[in-house]
PDB file of all heavy atoms in Angstrom:
ATOM      1  N   GLY A   1     -40.798   6.650 -34.231  1.00  0.00           N
ATOM      2  CA  GLY A   1     -40.977   7.924 -34.704  1.00  0.00           C
ATOM      3  C   GLY A   1     -42.160   8.584 -34.017  1.00  0.00           C
ATOM      4  O   GLY A   1     -42.760   7.984 -33.086  1.00  0.00           O
ATOM      5  N   SER A   2     -42.479   9.792 -34.317  1.00  0.00           N
ATOM      6  CA  SER A   2     -43.606  10.494 -33.864  1.00  0.00           C
ATOM      7  C   SER A   2     -43.511  10.662 -32.337  1.00  0.00           C
ATOM      8  O   SER A   2     -44.644  10.799 -31.601  1.00  0.00           O
ATOM      9  CB  SER A   2     -44.932   9.904 -34.257  1.00  0.00           C
ATOM     10  OG  SER A   2     -45.009   9.934 -35.687  1.00  0.00           O
ATOM     11  N   SER A   3     -42.387  10.683 -31.727  1.00  0.00           N
ATOM     12  CA  SER A   3     -42.113  10.911 -30.282  1.00  0.00           C
ATOM     13  C   SER A   3     -42.817   9.765 -29.451  1.00  0.00           C
ATOM     14  O   SER A   3     -42.965   9.951 -28.308  1.00  0.00           O
ATOM     15  CB  SER A   3     -42.686  12.208 -29.850  1.00  0.00           C
ATOM     16  OG  SER A   3     -42.090  13.259 -30.502  1.00  0.00           O
ATOM     17  N   VAL A   4     -43.009   8.599 -30.118  1.00  0.00           N
ATOM     18  CA  VAL A   4     -43.632   7.452 -29.287  1.00  0.00           C
ATOM     19  C   VAL A   4     -42.557   6.873 -28.412  1.00  0.00           C
ATOM     20  O   VAL A   4     -41.383   6.638 -28.829  1.00  0.00           O
ATOM     21  CB  VAL A   4     -44.064   6.346 -30.364  1.00  0.00           C
ATOM     22  CG1 VAL A   4     -44.436   5.104 -29.628  1.00  0.00           C
ATOM     23  CG2 VAL A   4     -45.254   6.887 -31.285  1.00  0.00           C
ATOM     24  N   GLY A   5     -42.967   6.715 -27.132  1.00  0.00           N
ATOM     25  CA  GLY A   5     -42.000   6.175 -26.052  1.00  0.00           C
ATOM     26  C   GLY A   5     -40.969   7.141 -25.632  1.00  0.00           C
ATOM     27  O   GLY A   5     -40.000   6.826 -24.899  1.00  0.00           O
ATOM     28  N   VAL A   6     -41.131   8.392 -25.926  1.00  0.00           N
ATOM     29  CA  VAL A   6     -40.055   9.498 -25.600  1.00  0.00           C
ATOM     30  C   VAL A   6     -40.435  10.152 -24.277  1.00  0.00           C
ATOM     31  O   VAL A   6     -41.643  10.498 -24.169  1.00  0.00           O
ATOM     32  CB  VAL A   6     -39.925  10.452 -26.754  1.00  0.00           C
ATOM     33  CG1 VAL A   6     -38.866  11.539 -26.339  1.00  0.00           C
ATOM     34  CG2 VAL A   6     -39.425   9.842 -28.068  1.00  0.00           C
ATOM     35  N   SER A   7     -39.561  10.340 -23.440  1.00  0.00           N
ATOM     36  CA  SER A   7     -39.713  10.976 -22.166  1.00  0.00           C
ATOM     37  C   SER A   7     -38.668  12.098 -21.879  1.00  0.00           C
ATOM     38  O   SER A   7     -37.508  11.937 -22.238  1.00  0.00           O
ATOM     39  CB  SER A   7     -39.699   9.989 -21.029  1.00  0.00           C
ATOM     40  OG  SER A   7     -40.738   8.980 -21.151  1.00  0.00           O
ATOM     41  N   LYS A   8     -39.033  13.132 -21.310  1.00  0.00           N
ATOM     42  CA  LYS A   8     -38.069  14.190 -20.828  1.00  0.00           C
ATOM     43  C   LYS A   8     -38.123  14.131 -19.326  1.00  0.00           C
ATOM     44  O   LYS A   8     -39.157  14.268 -18.664  1.00  0.00           O
ATOM     45  CB  LYS A   8     -38.538  15.599 -21.343  1.00  0.00           C
ATOM     46  CG  LYS A   8     -37.627  16.715 -20.971  1.00  0.00           C
ATOM     47  CD  LYS A   8     -38.113  18.047 -21.569  1.00  0.00           C
ATOM     48  CE  LYS A   8     -37.162  19.104 -21.286  1.00  0.00           C
ATOM     49  NZ  LYS A   8     -37.698  20.433 -21.818  1.00  0.00           N
ATOM     50  N   VAL A   9     -36.899  13.827 -18.765  1.00  0.00           N
ATOM     51  CA  VAL A   9     -36.889  13.607 -17.296  1.00  0.00           C
ATOM     52  C   VAL A   9     -35.771  14.399 -16.597  1.00  0.00           C
ATOM     53  O   VAL A   9     -34.742  14.741 -17.247  1.00  0.00           O
ATOM     54  CB  VAL A   9     -36.768  12.079 -17.043  1.00  0.00           C
ATOM     55  CG1 VAL A   9     -37.823  11.289 -17.693  1.00  0.00           C
ATOM     56  CG2 VAL A   9     -35.342  11.576 -17.447  1.00  0.00           C
ATOM     57  N   SER A  10     -35.931  14.618 -15.323  1.00  0.00           N
ATOM     58  CA  SER A  10     -34.853  15.300 -14.489  1.00  0.00           C
ATOM     59  C   SER A  10     -34.611  14.432 -13.256  1.00  0.00           C
ATOM     60  O   SER A  10     -33.525  14.652 -12.628  1.00  0.00           O
ATOM     61  CB  SER A  10     -35.357  16.680 -14.178  1.00  0.00           C
ATOM     62  OG  SER A  10     -35.503  17.527 -15.243  1.00  0.00           O
ATOM     63  N   SER A  11     -35.524  13.634 -12.824  1.00  0.00           N
ATOM     64  CA  SER A  11     -35.323  12.958 -11.530  1.00  0.00           C
ATOM     65  C   SER A  11     -35.042  11.485 -11.704  1.00  0.00           C
ATOM     66  O   SER A  11     -35.374  10.906 -12.794  1.00  0.00           O
ATOM     67  CB  SER A  11     -36.646  13.101 -10.623  1.00  0.00           C
ATOM     68  OG  SER A  11     -37.684  12.399 -11.221  1.00  0.00           O
ATOM     69  N   LYS A  12     -34.521  10.765 -10.643  1.00  0.00           N
ATOM     70  CA  LYS A  12     -34.260   9.364 -10.752  1.00  0.00           C
ATOM     71  C   LYS A  12     -35.533   8.626 -10.936  1.00  0.00           C
ATOM     72  O   LYS A  12     -35.547   7.672 -11.624  1.00  0.00           O
ATOM     73  CB  LYS A  12     -33.481   8.980  -9.431  1.00  0.00           C
ATOM     74  CG  LYS A  12     -33.152   7.475  -9.332  1.00  0.00           C
ATOM     75  CD  LYS A  12     -32.164   7.021 -10.343  1.00  0.00           C
ATOM     76  CE  LYS A  12     -31.545   5.629  -9.962  1.00  0.00           C
ATOM     77  NZ  LYS A  12     -32.614   4.625  -9.972  1.00  0.00           N
ATOM     78  N   GLU A  13     -36.549   8.992 -10.199  1.00  0.00           N
ATOM     79  CA  GLU A  13     -37.786   8.242 -10.240  1.00  0.00           C
ATOM     80  C   GLU A  13     -38.410   8.272 -11.707  1.00  0.00           C
ATOM     81  O   GLU A  13     -38.750   7.190 -12.270  1.00  0.00           O
ATOM     82  CB  GLU A  13     -38.790   8.846  -9.255  1.00  0.00           C
ATOM     83  CG  GLU A  13     -40.195   8.089  -9.266  1.00  0.00           C
ATOM     84  CD  GLU A  13     -41.173   8.633  -8.339  1.00  0.00           C
ATOM     85  OE1 GLU A  13     -40.841   9.795  -7.790  1.00  0.00           O
ATOM     86  OE2 GLU A  13     -42.287   8.138  -8.216  1.00  0.00           O
ATOM     87  N   ASP A  14     -38.419   9.482 -12.255  1.00  0.00           N
ATOM     88  CA  ASP A  14     -38.952   9.638 -13.640  1.00  0.00           C
ATOM     89  C   ASP A  14     -38.011   8.946 -14.614  1.00  0.00           C
ATOM     90  O   ASP A  14     -38.442   8.347 -15.711  1.00  0.00           O
ATOM     91  CB  ASP A  14     -39.092  11.034 -13.965  1.00  0.00           C
ATOM     92  CG  ASP A  14     -40.189  11.859 -13.280  1.00  0.00           C
ATOM     93  OD1 ASP A  14     -41.101  11.017 -12.642  1.00  0.00           O
ATOM     94  OD2 ASP A  14     -40.189  13.013 -13.152  1.00  0.00           O
ATOM     95  N   PHE A  15     -36.702   8.929 -14.362  1.00  0.00           N
ATOM     96  CA  PHE A  15     -35.754   8.266 -15.243  1.00  0.00           C
ATOM     97  C   PHE A  15     -35.959   6.809 -15.302  1.00  0.00           C
ATOM     98  O   PHE A  15     -36.038   6.248 -16.417  1.00  0.00           O
ATOM     99  CB  PHE A  15     -34.360   8.606 -14.673  1.00  0.00           C
ATOM    100  CG  PHE A  15     -33.322   7.977 -15.480  1.00  0.00           C
ATOM    101  CD1 PHE A  15     -32.733   8.530 -16.591  1.00  0.00           C
ATOM    102  CD2 PHE A  15     -32.728   6.727 -15.030  1.00  0.00           C
ATOM    103  CE1 PHE A  15     -31.619   7.924 -17.270  1.00  0.00           C
ATOM    104  CE2 PHE A  15     -31.688   6.090 -15.676  1.00  0.00           C
ATOM    105  CZ  PHE A  15     -31.097   6.724 -16.872  1.00  0.00           C
ATOM    106  N   ASP A  16     -36.205   6.183 -14.254  1.00  0.00           N
ATOM    107  CA  ASP A  16     -36.405   4.667 -14.190  1.00  0.00           C
ATOM    108  C   ASP A  16     -37.739   4.315 -14.973  1.00  0.00           C
ATOM    109  O   ASP A  16     -37.666   3.364 -15.702  1.00  0.00           O
ATOM    110  CB  ASP A  16     -36.487   4.157 -12.779  1.00  0.00           C
ATOM    111  CG  ASP A  16     -35.110   4.276 -12.041  1.00  0.00           C
ATOM    112  OD1 ASP A  16     -34.101   4.318 -12.729  1.00  0.00           O
ATOM    113  OD2 ASP A  16     -35.181   4.266 -10.828  1.00  0.00           O
ATOM    114  N   LYS A  17     -38.729   5.141 -14.793  1.00  0.00           N
ATOM    115  CA  LYS A  17     -39.996   4.873 -15.489  1.00  0.00           C
ATOM    116  C   LYS A  17     -39.811   5.114 -16.987  1.00  0.00           C
ATOM    117  O   LYS A  17     -40.326   4.309 -17.802  1.00  0.00           O
ATOM    118  CB  LYS A  17     -41.065   5.872 -15.007  1.00  0.00           C
ATOM    119  CG  LYS A  17     -41.530   5.555 -13.551  1.00  0.00           C
ATOM    120  CD  LYS A  17     -42.594   6.635 -13.117  1.00  0.00           C
ATOM    121  CE  LYS A  17     -42.964   6.356 -11.718  1.00  0.00           C
ATOM    122  NZ  LYS A  17     -43.994   7.484 -11.305  1.00  0.00           N
ATOM    123  N   ALA A  18     -39.017   6.084 -17.387  1.00  0.00           N
ATOM    124  CA  ALA A  18     -38.827   6.411 -18.772  1.00  0.00           C
ATOM    125  C   ALA A  18     -38.003   5.322 -19.448  1.00  0.00           C
ATOM    126  O   ALA A  18     -38.228   4.980 -20.607  1.00  0.00           O
ATOM    127  CB  ALA A  18     -38.118   7.749 -18.946  1.00  0.00           C
ATOM    128  N   ILE A  19     -36.957   4.763 -18.704  1.00  0.00           N
ATOM    129  CA  ILE A  19     -36.234   3.733 -19.237  1.00  0.00           C
ATOM    130  C   ILE A  19     -37.075   2.451 -19.543  1.00  0.00           C
ATOM    131  O   ILE A  19     -37.047   1.926 -20.679  1.00  0.00           O
ATOM    132  CB  ILE A  19     -35.052   3.250 -18.290  1.00  0.00           C
ATOM    133  CG1 ILE A  19     -34.086   4.318 -18.077  1.00  0.00           C
ATOM    134  CG2 ILE A  19     -34.449   1.961 -18.644  1.00  0.00           C
ATOM    135  CD1 ILE A  19     -33.230   4.653 -19.283  1.00  0.00           C
ATOM    136  N   ASP A  20     -38.017   2.209 -18.718  1.00  0.00           N
ATOM    137  CA  ASP A  20     -38.953   1.027 -18.883  1.00  0.00           C
ATOM    138  C   ASP A  20     -39.800   1.311 -20.006  1.00  0.00           C
ATOM    139  O   ASP A  20     -40.078   0.350 -20.892  1.00  0.00           O
ATOM    140  CB  ASP A  20     -39.754   0.746 -17.615  1.00  0.00           C
ATOM    141  CG  ASP A  20     -38.948   0.198 -16.460  1.00  0.00           C
ATOM    142  OD1 ASP A  20     -37.902  -0.409 -16.755  1.00  0.00           O
ATOM    143  OD2 ASP A  20     -39.334   0.327 -15.273  1.00  0.00           O
ATOM    144  N   THR A  21     -40.247   2.588 -20.157  1.00  0.00           N
ATOM    145  CA  THR A  21     -41.214   2.943 -21.229  1.00  0.00           C
ATOM    146  C   THR A  21     -40.502   2.734 -22.563  1.00  0.00           C
ATOM    147  O   THR A  21     -41.014   2.106 -23.531  1.00  0.00           O
ATOM    148  CB  THR A  21     -41.705   4.343 -21.076  1.00  0.00           C
ATOM    149  OG1 THR A  21     -42.468   4.446 -19.947  1.00  0.00           O
ATOM    150  CG2 THR A  21     -42.537   4.760 -22.285  1.00  0.00           C
ATOM    151  N   ALA A  22     -39.281   3.258 -22.727  1.00  0.00           N
ATOM    152  CA  ALA A  22     -38.531   3.250 -23.953  1.00  0.00           C
ATOM    153  C   ALA A  22     -38.258   1.838 -24.325  1.00  0.00           C
ATOM    154  O   ALA A  22     -38.441   1.452 -25.632  1.00  0.00           O
ATOM    155  CB  ALA A  22     -37.218   3.994 -23.840  1.00  0.00           C
ATOM    156  N   PHE A  23     -37.950   0.975 -23.482  1.00  0.00           N
ATOM    157  CA  PHE A  23     -37.714  -0.418 -23.818  1.00  0.00           C
ATOM    158  C   PHE A  23     -38.937  -1.270 -24.207  1.00  0.00           C
ATOM    159  O   PHE A  23     -38.849  -2.390 -24.629  1.00  0.00           O
ATOM    160  CB  PHE A  23     -36.974  -1.184 -22.630  1.00  0.00           C
ATOM    161  CG  PHE A  23     -35.421  -0.992 -22.698  1.00  0.00           C
ATOM    162  CD1 PHE A  23     -34.725  -0.482 -21.561  1.00  0.00           C
ATOM    163  CD2 PHE A  23     -34.738  -1.347 -23.794  1.00  0.00           C
ATOM    164  CE1 PHE A  23     -33.322  -0.314 -21.661  1.00  0.00           C
ATOM    165  CE2 PHE A  23     -33.333  -1.341 -23.856  1.00  0.00           C
ATOM    166  CZ  PHE A  23     -32.662  -0.759 -22.709  1.00  0.00           C
ATOM    167  N   GLN A  24     -40.111  -0.626 -23.932  1.00  0.00           N
ATOM    168  CA  GLN A  24     -41.341  -1.291 -24.376  1.00  0.00           C
ATOM    169  C   GLN A  24     -41.398  -1.287 -25.950  1.00  0.00           C
ATOM    170  O   GLN A  24     -42.135  -2.075 -26.564  1.00  0.00           O
ATOM    171  CB  GLN A  24     -42.609  -0.678 -23.804  1.00  0.00           C
ATOM    172  CG  GLN A  24     -42.729  -0.949 -22.225  1.00  0.00           C
ATOM    173  CD  GLN A  24     -43.918  -0.205 -21.731  1.00  0.00           C
ATOM    174  OE1 GLN A  24     -44.851   0.179 -22.482  1.00  0.00           O
ATOM    175  NE2 GLN A  24     -43.890  -0.044 -20.397  1.00  0.00           N
ATOM    176  N   TYR A  25     -40.702  -0.306 -26.557  1.00  0.00           N
ATOM    177  CA  TYR A  25     -40.758  -0.005 -27.941  1.00  0.00           C
ATOM    178  C   TYR A  25     -39.629  -0.539 -28.808  1.00  0.00           C
ATOM    179  O   TYR A  25     -39.654  -0.524 -30.015  1.00  0.00           O
ATOM    180  CB  TYR A  25     -41.101   1.481 -28.277  1.00  0.00           C
ATOM    181  CG  TYR A  25     -42.386   1.864 -27.677  1.00  0.00           C
ATOM    182  CD1 TYR A  25     -42.553   2.522 -26.458  1.00  0.00           C
ATOM    183  CD2 TYR A  25     -43.599   1.654 -28.432  1.00  0.00           C
ATOM    184  CE1 TYR A  25     -43.816   2.835 -25.992  1.00  0.00           C
ATOM    185  CE2 TYR A  25     -44.840   2.076 -27.966  1.00  0.00           C
ATOM    186  CZ  TYR A  25     -44.933   2.684 -26.705  1.00  0.00           C
ATOM    187  OH  TYR A  25     -46.123   3.085 -26.172  1.00  0.00           O
ATOM    188  N   ASP A  26     -38.559  -0.732 -28.126  1.00  0.00           N
ATOM    189  CA  ASP A  26     -37.310  -1.137 -28.946  1.00  0.00           C
ATOM    190  C   ASP A  26     -36.354  -1.866 -27.984  1.00  0.00           C
ATOM    191  O   ASP A  26     -36.428  -1.733 -26.689  1.00  0.00           O
ATOM    192  CB  ASP A  26     -36.689   0.087 -29.456  1.00  0.00           C
ATOM    193  CG  ASP A  26     -35.625  -0.201 -30.602  1.00  0.00           C
ATOM    194  OD1 ASP A  26     -35.673  -1.378 -31.042  1.00  0.00           O
ATOM    195  OD2 ASP A  26     -34.899   0.642 -30.913  1.00  0.00           O
ATOM    196  N   HIS A  27     -35.448  -2.650 -28.554  1.00  0.00           N
ATOM    197  CA  HIS A  27     -34.335  -3.234 -27.750  1.00  0.00           C
ATOM    198  C   HIS A  27     -33.151  -2.348 -27.576  1.00  0.00           C
ATOM    199  O   HIS A  27     -32.159  -2.823 -26.963  1.00  0.00           O
ATOM    200  CB  HIS A  27     -33.924  -4.571 -28.589  1.00  0.00           C
ATOM    201  CG  HIS A  27     -35.070  -5.600 -28.765  1.00  0.00           C
ATOM    202  ND1 HIS A  27     -35.638  -6.199 -27.667  1.00  0.00           N
ATOM    203  CD2 HIS A  27     -35.694  -6.014 -29.929  1.00  0.00           C
ATOM    204  CE1 HIS A  27     -36.536  -7.030 -28.116  1.00  0.00           C
ATOM    205  NE2 HIS A  27     -36.590  -6.923 -29.414  1.00  0.00           N
TER     206      HIS A  27
END
């Protein structure tokens, strides 16, 4: 909740980082 681990992305580079970030908080 509270936008924890949430990313807004447009590029492949930012996308890959965001995927890793989100998986830090959930399976």
